[in-house]
Amino acid sequence: MTIEIQILEDKILEIFRSVTQVPSLTAEDDFFNSGGDSLLAVEAGFQISQVIDQEVDSMVIFVFTTASTCAVAVSEQYLTA
């Protein structure tokens, strides 16, 4: 599956905003500093998996904590052939 990095970032940002319930969250805001916790990270990981139609390890959110860095990591780890 191919998906443009900006589209993926936008979708991950939408997920982060939804699970943290912070509509003003930006692509550079830290997930955990914006109200995210481990349970919400698992939920976000599940939702990202649905977007790319592949199982994503939610640990990616613990390491890449912004929507911007997470999108790059997901693209490189799961979508690169």
Protein backbone atom coordinates (compact mmCIF):
# COMPACT_ATOMS: atom_id res chain seq x y z
CA MET A 1 0.00 0.00 0.00
CA THR A 2 1.31 3.42 -0.87
CA ILE A 3 0.19 6.55 0.89
CA GLU A 4 1.70 10.00 0.68
CA ILE A 5 3.53 11.04 3.84
CA GLN A 6 1.45 14.23 4.22
CA ILE A 7 -1.81 12.28 3.97
CA LEU A 8 -0.52 9.78 6.52
CA GLU A 9 0.57 12.60 8.84
CA ASP A 10 -2.87 14.21 8.55
CA LYS A 11 -4.59 10.92 9.38
CA ILE A 12 -2.31 10.26 12.36
CA LEU A 13 -2.86 13.81 13.60
CA GLU A 14 -6.62 13.27 13.33
CA ILE A 15 -6.23 10.06 15.37
CA PHE A 16 -4.05 11.78 18.00
CA ARG A 17 -6.60 14.63 18.29
CA SER A 18 -9.45 12.17 18.65
CA VAL A 19 -7.92 9.91 21.30
CA THR A 20 -6.51 12.79 23.38
CA GLN A 21 -9.63 14.90 22.84
CA VAL A 22 -7.40 17.89 22.03
CA PRO A 23 -8.68 19.37 18.75
CA SER A 24 -5.94 22.04 18.72
CA LEU A 25 -3.12 19.46 18.67
CA THR A 26 -0.61 20.16 15.89
CA ALA A 27 1.63 17.75 13.98
CA GLU A 28 4.60 18.89 16.09
CA ASP A 29 2.90 18.53 19.50
CA ASP A 30 4.02 15.65 21.71
CA PHE A 31 1.31 13.01 22.13
CA PHE A 32 2.10 12.40 25.80
CA ASN A 33 2.55 16.05 26.75
CA SER A 34 -0.86 16.72 25.18
CA GLY A 35 -2.81 14.32 27.36
CA GLY A 36 -1.93 11.00 25.78
CA ASP A 37 -1.09 8.01 27.94
CA SER A 38 -0.17 4.37 27.38
CA LEU A 39 -3.76 3.21 26.93
CA LEU A 40 -4.49 5.97 24.45
CA ALA A 41 -1.27 5.13 22.59
CA VAL A 42 -2.50 1.54 22.19
CA GLU A 43 -5.82 2.83 20.85
CA ALA A 44 -4.03 5.22 18.49
CA GLY A 45 -1.80 2.39 17.27
CA PHE A 46 -4.88 0.27 16.56
CA GLN A 47 -6.47 3.12 14.60
CA ILE A 48 -3.26 3.71 12.61
CA SER A 49 -3.28 -0.01 11.80
CA GLN A 50 -6.76 0.38 10.36
CA VAL A 51 -5.65 3.33 8.22
CA ILE A 52 -2.72 1.49 6.62
CA ASP A 53 -4.35 -1.95 6.73
CA GLN A 54 -1.38 -3.47 8.58
CA GLU A 55 -0.77 -4.19 12.24
CA VAL A 56 1.28 -1.36 13.75
CA ASP A 57 3.12 -1.84 17.02
CA SER A 58 1.87 0.93 19.31
CA MET A 59 5.44 1.27 20.62
CA VAL A 60 6.06 3.43 17.55
CA ILE A 61 4.07 6.17 19.34
CA PHE A 62 6.25 5.87 22.45
CA VAL A 63 9.36 6.49 20.36
CA PHE A 64 7.97 8.88 17.74
CA THR A 65 5.68 11.04 19.83
CA THR A 66 4.51 13.64 17.32
CA ALA A 67 2.18 13.02 14.40
CA SER A 68 4.91 14.26 12.08
CA THR A 69 7.66 11.90 13.32
CA CYS A 70 5.21 9.04 13.77
CA ALA A 71 4.07 9.35 10.14
CA VAL A 72 7.65 9.13 8.89
CA ALA A 73 8.36 6.11 11.12
CA VAL A 74 5.18 4.29 10.10
CA SER A 75 5.89 4.99 6.45
CA GLU A 76 9.47 3.73 6.71
CA GLN A 77 8.73 0.71 8.93
CA TYR A 78 5.46 -0.51 7.43
CA LEU A 79 4.92 0.96 3.98
CA THR A 80 8.33 0.81 2.35
CA ALA A 81 8.68 -2.13 0.02
